[in-house]
PDB file of N, CA and C in Angstrom:
ATOM      1  N   MET A   1      22.134 -26.071 -24.780  1.00  0.00           N
ATOM      2  CA  MET A   1      21.073 -27.340 -25.118  1.00  0.00           C
ATOM      3  C   MET A   1      19.792 -26.519 -25.736  1.00  0.00           C
ATOM      4  N   LYS A   2      19.825 -27.502 -26.763  1.00  0.00           N
ATOM      5  CA  LYS A   2      18.724 -26.625 -27.787  1.00  0.00           C
ATOM      6  C   LYS A   2      17.220 -27.030 -27.021  1.00  0.00           C
ATOM      7  N   ALA A   3      16.119 -26.333 -27.380  1.00  0.00           N
ATOM      8  CA  ALA A   3      15.255 -26.638 -26.768  1.00  0.00           C
ATOM      9  C   ALA A   3      14.316 -27.374 -28.276  1.00  0.00           C
ATOM     10  N   ILE A   4      13.475 -28.447 -27.162  1.00  0.00           N
ATOM     11  CA  ILE A   4      12.757 -29.136 -28.089  1.00  0.00           C
ATOM     12  C   ILE A   4      11.538 -29.088 -28.867  1.00  0.00           C
ATOM     13  N   TRP A   5      11.272 -27.529 -27.681  1.00  0.00           N
ATOM     14  CA  TRP A   5       9.417 -27.056 -28.373  1.00  0.00           C
ATOM     15  C   TRP A   5       9.866 -25.479 -27.538  1.00  0.00           C
ATOM     16  N   ASN A   6       9.118 -24.541 -28.680  1.00  0.00           N
ATOM     17  CA  ASN A   6       8.804 -23.027 -28.211  1.00  0.00           C
ATOM     18  C   ASN A   6       7.645 -23.040 -28.228  1.00  0.00           C
ATOM     19  N   GLY A   7       7.349 -21.963 -27.367  1.00  0.00           N
ATOM     20  CA  GLY A   7       5.857 -21.688 -27.473  1.00  0.00           C
ATOM     21  C   GLY A   7       5.404 -20.428 -26.617  1.00  0.00           C
ATOM     22  N   ALA A   8       4.412 -20.010 -26.178  1.00  0.00           N
ATOM     23  CA  ALA A   8       3.834 -19.265 -25.552  1.00  0.00           C
ATOM     24  C   ALA A   8       2.849 -19.017 -24.763  1.00  0.00           C
ATOM     25  N   ILE A   9       2.811 -18.747 -23.623  1.00  0.00           N
ATOM     26  CA  ILE A   9       1.377 -19.086 -22.879  1.00  0.00           C
ATOM     27  C   ILE A   9       0.596 -17.618 -23.098  1.00  0.00           C
ATOM     28  N   GLY A  10      -0.151 -17.121 -23.563  1.00  0.00           N
ATOM     29  CA  GLY A  10      -1.245 -16.159 -23.384  1.00  0.00           C
ATOM     30  C   GLY A  10      -2.085 -15.740 -22.311  1.00  0.00           C
ATOM     31  N   PHE A  11      -2.013 -14.283 -21.907  1.00  0.00           N
ATOM     32  CA  PHE A  11      -2.940 -14.230 -20.826  1.00  0.00           C
ATOM     33  C   PHE A  11      -3.699 -13.218 -21.325  1.00  0.00           C
ATOM     34  N   GLY A  12      -4.542 -12.797 -22.135  1.00  0.00           N
ATOM     35  CA  GLY A  12      -4.966 -11.645 -22.247  1.00  0.00           C
ATOM     36  C   GLY A  12      -4.017 -10.627 -23.268  1.00  0.00           C
ATOM     37  N   LEU A  13      -3.653  -9.731 -23.121  1.00  0.00           N
ATOM     38  CA  LEU A  13      -2.682  -8.536 -24.232  1.00  0.00           C
ATOM     39  C   LEU A  13      -1.256  -9.232 -23.527  1.00  0.00           C
ATOM     40  N   VAL A  14      -1.051  -9.856 -22.320  1.00  0.00           N
ATOM     41  CA  VAL A  14       0.280 -10.889 -21.849  1.00  0.00           C
ATOM     42  C   VAL A  14       0.503 -11.593 -22.775  1.00  0.00           C
ATOM     43  N   ASN A  15       1.837 -11.765 -23.182  1.00  0.00           N
ATOM     44  CA  ASN A  15       2.405 -13.225 -23.667  1.00  0.00           C
ATOM     45  C   ASN A  15       3.313 -13.457 -23.174  1.00  0.00           C
ATOM     46  N   ILE A  16       4.011 -14.821 -22.736  1.00  0.00           N
ATOM     47  CA  ILE A  16       4.781 -15.143 -21.840  1.00  0.00           C
ATOM     48  C   ILE A  16       5.597 -16.244 -22.593  1.00  0.00           C
ATOM     49  N   PRO A  17       6.898 -15.814 -23.094  1.00  0.00           N
ATOM     50  CA  PRO A  17       7.517 -17.160 -24.057  1.00  0.00           C
ATOM     51  C   PRO A  17       7.905 -18.267 -23.254  1.00  0.00           C
ATOM     52  N   VAL A  18       7.641 -19.659 -23.551  1.00  0.00           N
ATOM     53  CA  VAL A  18       8.069 -20.656 -22.794  1.00  0.00           C
ATOM     54  C   VAL A  18       9.407 -21.215 -24.181  1.00  0.00           C
ATOM     55  N   LYS A  19      10.328 -22.217 -23.245  1.00  0.00           N
ATOM     56  CA  LYS A  19      10.956 -23.370 -23.962  1.00  0.00           C
ATOM     57  C   LYS A  19      10.947 -24.037 -23.184  1.00  0.00           C
ATOM     58  N   MET A  20      11.084 -25.817 -23.928  1.00  0.00           N
ATOM     59  CA  MET A  20      10.909 -27.089 -23.385  1.00  0.00           C
ATOM     60  C   MET A  20      12.299 -27.561 -23.569  1.00  0.00           C
ATOM     61  N   TYR A  21      13.053 -28.270 -23.137  1.00  0.00           N
ATOM     62  CA  TYR A  21      14.123 -29.102 -22.750  1.00  0.00           C
ATOM     63  C   TYR A  21      14.101 -30.179 -22.285  1.00  0.00           C
ATOM     64  N   SER A  22      14.873 -30.900 -23.486  1.00  0.00           N
ATOM     65  CA  SER A  22      14.710 -32.687 -22.622  1.00  0.00           C
ATOM     66  C   SER A  22      15.540 -32.846 -21.134  1.00  0.00           C
ATOM     67  N   ALA A  23      15.181 -33.776 -20.374  1.00  0.00           N
ATOM     68  CA  ALA A  23      16.136 -33.882 -19.186  1.00  0.00           C
ATOM     69  C   ALA A  23      15.770 -35.264 -18.933  1.00  0.00           C
ATOM     70  N   THR A  24      17.202 -35.795 -18.468  1.00  0.00           N
ATOM     71  CA  THR A  24      16.893 -37.211 -18.100  1.00  0.00           C
ATOM     72  C   THR A  24      17.302 -37.597 -16.859  1.00  0.00           C
ATOM     73  N   GLU A  25      17.108 -38.563 -15.991  1.00  0.00           N
ATOM     74  CA  GLU A  25      17.732 -38.786 -14.477  1.00  0.00           C
ATOM     75  C   GLU A  25      17.893 -40.085 -14.411  1.00  0.00           C
ATOM     76  N   THR A  26      19.010 -40.838 -13.742  1.00  0.00           N
ATOM     77  CA  THR A  26      19.677 -41.776 -13.741  1.00  0.00           C
ATOM     78  C   THR A  26      19.582 -41.824 -12.362  1.00  0.00           C
ATOM     79  N   THR A  27      18.534 -43.467 -11.994  1.00  0.00           N
ATOM     80  CA  THR A  27      18.883 -43.523 -10.591  1.00  0.00           C
ATOM     81  C   THR A  27      18.773 -45.259 -10.779  1.00  0.00           C
ATOM     82  N   LYS A  28      19.340 -45.647  -9.465  1.00  0.00           N
ATOM     83  CA  LYS A  28      19.560 -47.084  -8.951  1.00  0.00           C
ATOM     84  C   LYS A  28      18.918 -47.545  -7.856  1.00  0.00           C
ATOM     85  N   LEU A  29      17.642 -48.294  -8.196  1.00  0.00           N
ATOM     86  CA  LEU A  29      16.386 -48.666  -6.907  1.00  0.00           C
ATOM     87  C   LEU A  29      17.104 -50.079  -6.169  1.00  0.00           C
ATOM     88  N   ASP A  30      17.452 -49.510  -5.755  1.00  0.00           N
ATOM     89  CA  ASP A  30      17.574 -51.028  -4.584  1.00  0.00           C
ATOM     90  C   ASP A  30      16.730 -51.758  -3.917  1.00  0.00           C
ATOM     91  N   LEU A  31      16.309 -52.938  -4.032  1.00  0.00           N
ATOM     92  CA  LEU A  31      15.263 -53.782  -3.433  1.00  0.00           C
ATOM     93  C   LEU A  31      15.939 -55.023  -2.527  1.00  0.00           C
ATOM     94  N   ASP A  32      16.398 -54.628  -1.771  1.00  0.00           N
ATOM     95  CA  ASP A  32      17.185 -55.602  -1.174  1.00  0.00           C
ATOM     96  C   ASP A  32      16.201 -55.512   0.441  1.00  0.00           C
ATOM     97  N   MET A  33      16.023 -57.127   0.678  1.00  0.00           N
ATOM     98  CA  MET A  33      14.653 -57.760   1.823  1.00  0.00           C
ATOM     99  C   MET A  33      15.536 -56.948   2.757  1.00  0.00           C
ATOM    100  N   LEU A  34      14.532 -56.708   4.393  1.00  0.00           N
ATOM    101  CA  LEU A  34      14.934 -56.600   4.977  1.00  0.00           C
ATOM    102  C   LEU A  34      14.247 -57.455   6.088  1.00  0.00           C
ATOM    103  N   ASP A  35      15.077 -58.486   7.209  1.00  0.00           N
ATOM    104  CA  ASP A  35      13.981 -58.838   8.268  1.00  0.00           C
ATOM    105  C   ASP A  35      13.527 -57.937   9.394  1.00  0.00           C
ATOM    106  N   LYS A  36      12.044 -57.969   9.655  1.00  0.00           N
ATOM    107  CA  LYS A  36      11.354 -57.145   9.976  1.00  0.00           C
ATOM    108  C   LYS A  36      11.929 -56.855  11.891  1.00  0.00           C
ATOM    109  N   SER A  37      12.625 -57.729  12.155  1.00  0.00           N
ATOM    110  CA  SER A  37      12.878 -57.872  13.662  1.00  0.00           C
ATOM    111  C   SER A  37      14.130 -56.980  14.040  1.00  0.00           C
ATOM    112  N   ASP A  38      15.100 -56.926  13.439  1.00  0.00           N
ATOM    113  CA  ASP A  38      16.566 -56.415  13.361  1.00  0.00           C
ATOM    114  C   ASP A  38      17.036 -55.425  12.172  1.00  0.00           C
ATOM    115  N   LEU A  39      16.396 -55.380  11.132  1.00  0.00           N
ATOM    116  CA  LEU A  39      16.332 -54.758  10.138  1.00  0.00           C
ATOM    117  C   LEU A  39      17.762 -55.522   8.879  1.00  0.00           C
ATOM    118  N   SER A  40      18.459 -56.513   9.270  1.00  0.00           N
ATOM    119  CA  SER A  40      19.276 -57.300   8.348  1.00  0.00           C
ATOM    120  C   SER A  40      19.086 -57.566   7.169  1.00  0.00           C
ATOM    121  N   ASN A  41      19.805 -57.651   6.262  1.00  0.00           N
ATOM    122  CA  ASN A  41      19.544 -58.116   5.024  1.00  0.00           C
ATOM    123  C   ASN A  41      19.345 -59.392   4.583  1.00  0.00           C
ATOM    124  N   ILE A  42      18.582 -60.155   3.764  1.00  0.00           N
ATOM    125  CA  ILE A  42      18.198 -61.194   3.755  1.00  0.00           C
ATOM    126  C   ILE A  42      18.411 -61.587   2.591  1.00  0.00           C
ATOM    127  N   ARG A  43      19.359 -62.890   2.639  1.00  0.00           N
ATOM    128  CA  ARG A  43      20.165 -62.907   1.322  1.00  0.00           C
ATOM    129  C   ARG A  43      19.838 -64.566   0.604  1.00  0.00           C
ATOM    130  N   PHE A  44      19.792 -64.565  -0.258  1.00  0.00           N
ATOM    131  CA  PHE A  44      19.286 -65.904  -1.463  1.00  0.00           C
ATOM    132  C   PHE A  44      20.382 -66.720  -1.672  1.00  0.00           C
ATOM    133  N   LYS A  45      20.749 -68.104  -1.532  1.00  0.00           N
ATOM    134  CA  LYS A  45      21.834 -68.369  -2.095  1.00  0.00           C
ATOM    135  C   LYS A  45      21.324 -69.466  -3.264  1.00  0.00           C
ATOM    136  N   ARG A  46      22.176 -69.964  -4.103  1.00  0.00           N
ATOM    137  CA  ARG A  46      22.131 -71.412  -5.012  1.00  0.00           C
ATOM    138  C   ARG A  46      22.138 -72.139  -4.426  1.00  0.00           C
ATOM    139  N   VAL A  47      21.192 -73.371  -3.890  1.00  0.00           N
ATOM    140  CA  VAL A  47      22.276 -74.303  -3.490  1.00  0.00           C
ATOM    141  C   VAL A  47      21.623 -75.811  -4.047  1.00  0.00           C
ATOM    142  N   ASN A  48      22.273 -76.976  -3.986  1.00  0.00           N
ATOM    143  CA  ASN A  48      21.688 -77.979  -4.680  1.00  0.00           C
ATOM    144  C   ASN A  48      21.109 -78.476  -3.791  1.00  0.00           C
ATOM    145  N   GLU A  49      20.064 -79.010  -4.279  1.00  0.00           N
ATOM    146  CA  GLU A  49      18.991 -79.793  -3.140  1.00  0.00           C
ATOM    147  C   GLU A  49      19.595 -80.715  -2.485  1.00  0.00           C
ATOM    148  N   ASN A  50      20.720 -81.901  -3.111  1.00  0.00           N
ATOM    149  CA  ASN A  50      21.234 -83.554  -2.681  1.00  0.00           C
ATOM    150  C   ASN A  50      22.219 -83.037  -2.466  1.00  0.00           C
ATOM    151  N   THR A  51      22.719 -82.226  -2.755  1.00  0.00           N
ATOM    152  CA  THR A  51      24.453 -82.585  -2.215  1.00  0.00           C
ATOM    153  C   THR A  51      24.621 -81.222  -1.001  1.00  0.00           C
ATOM    154  N   THR A  52      23.764 -79.939  -1.134  1.00  0.00           N
ATOM    155  CA  THR A  52      23.947 -78.998  -0.406  1.00  0.00           C
ATOM    156  C   THR A  52      24.865 -78.259  -0.784  1.00  0.00           C
ATOM    157  N   HIS A  53      25.484 -78.619  -1.953  1.00  0.00           N
ATOM    158  CA  HIS A  53      26.633 -77.587  -2.605  1.00  0.00           C
ATOM    159  C   HIS A  53      26.190 -75.805  -3.119  1.00  0.00           C
ATOM    160  N   SER A  54      26.497 -75.321  -2.780  1.00  0.00           N
ATOM    161  CA  SER A  54      26.478 -73.922  -2.883  1.00  0.00           C
ATOM    162  C   SER A  54      26.848 -73.293  -4.122  1.00  0.00           C
ATOM    163  N   PHE A  55      26.445 -72.946  -5.484  1.00  0.00           N
ATOM    164  CA  PHE A  55      26.727 -72.089  -6.370  1.00  0.00           C
ATOM    165  C   PHE A  55      26.800 -70.320  -6.506  1.00  0.00           C
ATOM    166  N   ILE A  56      27.160 -69.808  -5.542  1.00  0.00           N
ATOM    167  CA  ILE A  56      26.897 -68.578  -5.438  1.00  0.00           C
ATOM    168  C   ILE A  56      28.167 -68.128  -6.122  1.00  0.00           C
ATOM    169  N   ASN A  57      29.227 -68.950  -5.644  1.00  0.00           N
ATOM    170  CA  ASN A  57      30.620 -68.088  -6.212  1.00  0.00           C
ATOM    171  C   ASN A  57      30.967 -68.915  -7.542  1.00  0.00           C
ATOM    172  N   LEU A  58      30.467 -69.605  -7.976  1.00  0.00           N
ATOM    173  CA  LEU A  58      30.714 -70.078  -9.123  1.00  0.00           C
ATOM    174  C   LEU A  58      29.679 -69.348 -10.648  1.00  0.00           C
ATOM    175  N   LEU A  59      28.340 -68.697  -9.907  1.00  0.00           N
ATOM    176  CA  LEU A  59      27.709 -67.942 -10.561  1.00  0.00           C
ATOM    177  C   LEU A  59      28.608 -66.470 -10.892  1.00  0.00           C
ATOM    178  N   THR A  60      28.937 -65.866  -9.875  1.00  0.00           N
ATOM    179  CA  THR A  60      29.450 -64.673 -10.120  1.00  0.00           C
ATOM    180  C   THR A  60      31.096 -64.608 -10.515  1.00  0.00           C
ATOM    181  N   THR A  61      31.345 -65.942 -10.520  1.00  0.00           N
ATOM    182  CA  THR A  61      33.302 -65.753 -11.092  1.00  0.00           C
ATOM    183  C   THR A  61      33.182 -66.423 -12.453  1.00  0.00           C
ATOM    184  N   SER A  62      32.076 -67.089 -12.990  1.00  0.00           N
ATOM    185  CA  SER A  62      32.504 -68.000 -14.252  1.00  0.00           C
ATOM    186  C   SER A  62      31.202 -66.952 -15.231  1.00  0.00           C
ATOM    187  N   PRO A  63      32.143 -66.354 -16.500  1.00  0.00           N
ATOM    188  CA  PRO A  63      31.131 -65.912 -17.437  1.00  0.00           C
ATOM    189  C   PRO A  63      30.145 -67.241 -17.804  1.00  0.00           C
ATOM    190  N   ILE A  64      30.439 -68.253 -18.135  1.00  0.00           N
ATOM    191  CA  ILE A  64      30.027 -69.496 -18.990  1.00  0.00           C
ATOM    192  C   ILE A  64      29.680 -70.536 -18.350  1.00  0.00           C
ATOM    193  N   LEU A  65      28.562 -70.878 -17.898  1.00  0.00           N
ATOM    194  CA  LEU A  65      28.364 -72.269 -17.242  1.00  0.00           C
ATOM    195  C   LEU A  65      27.823 -73.307 -17.809  1.00  0.00           C
ATOM    196  N   ARG A  66      28.327 -74.550 -17.837  1.00  0.00           N
ATOM    197  CA  ARG A  66      28.308 -75.904 -19.044  1.00  0.00           C
ATOM    198  C   ARG A  66      27.615 -76.582 -17.959  1.00  0.00           C
TER     199      ARG A  66
END
């Protein structure tokens, strides 16, 4: 890997060579809401208010909604 910066830190008569490299870190942040009483997962459903029909399966399986 190539250094993105080369330099030196000097302390009086002593110089210490320094090289800086780029770095990346991948993380997955999981933001599930938990119930305070038993720490169970709280889920959110998409439901039609008039017919109480759930759309959760339709949204996850259909690439295009019309």
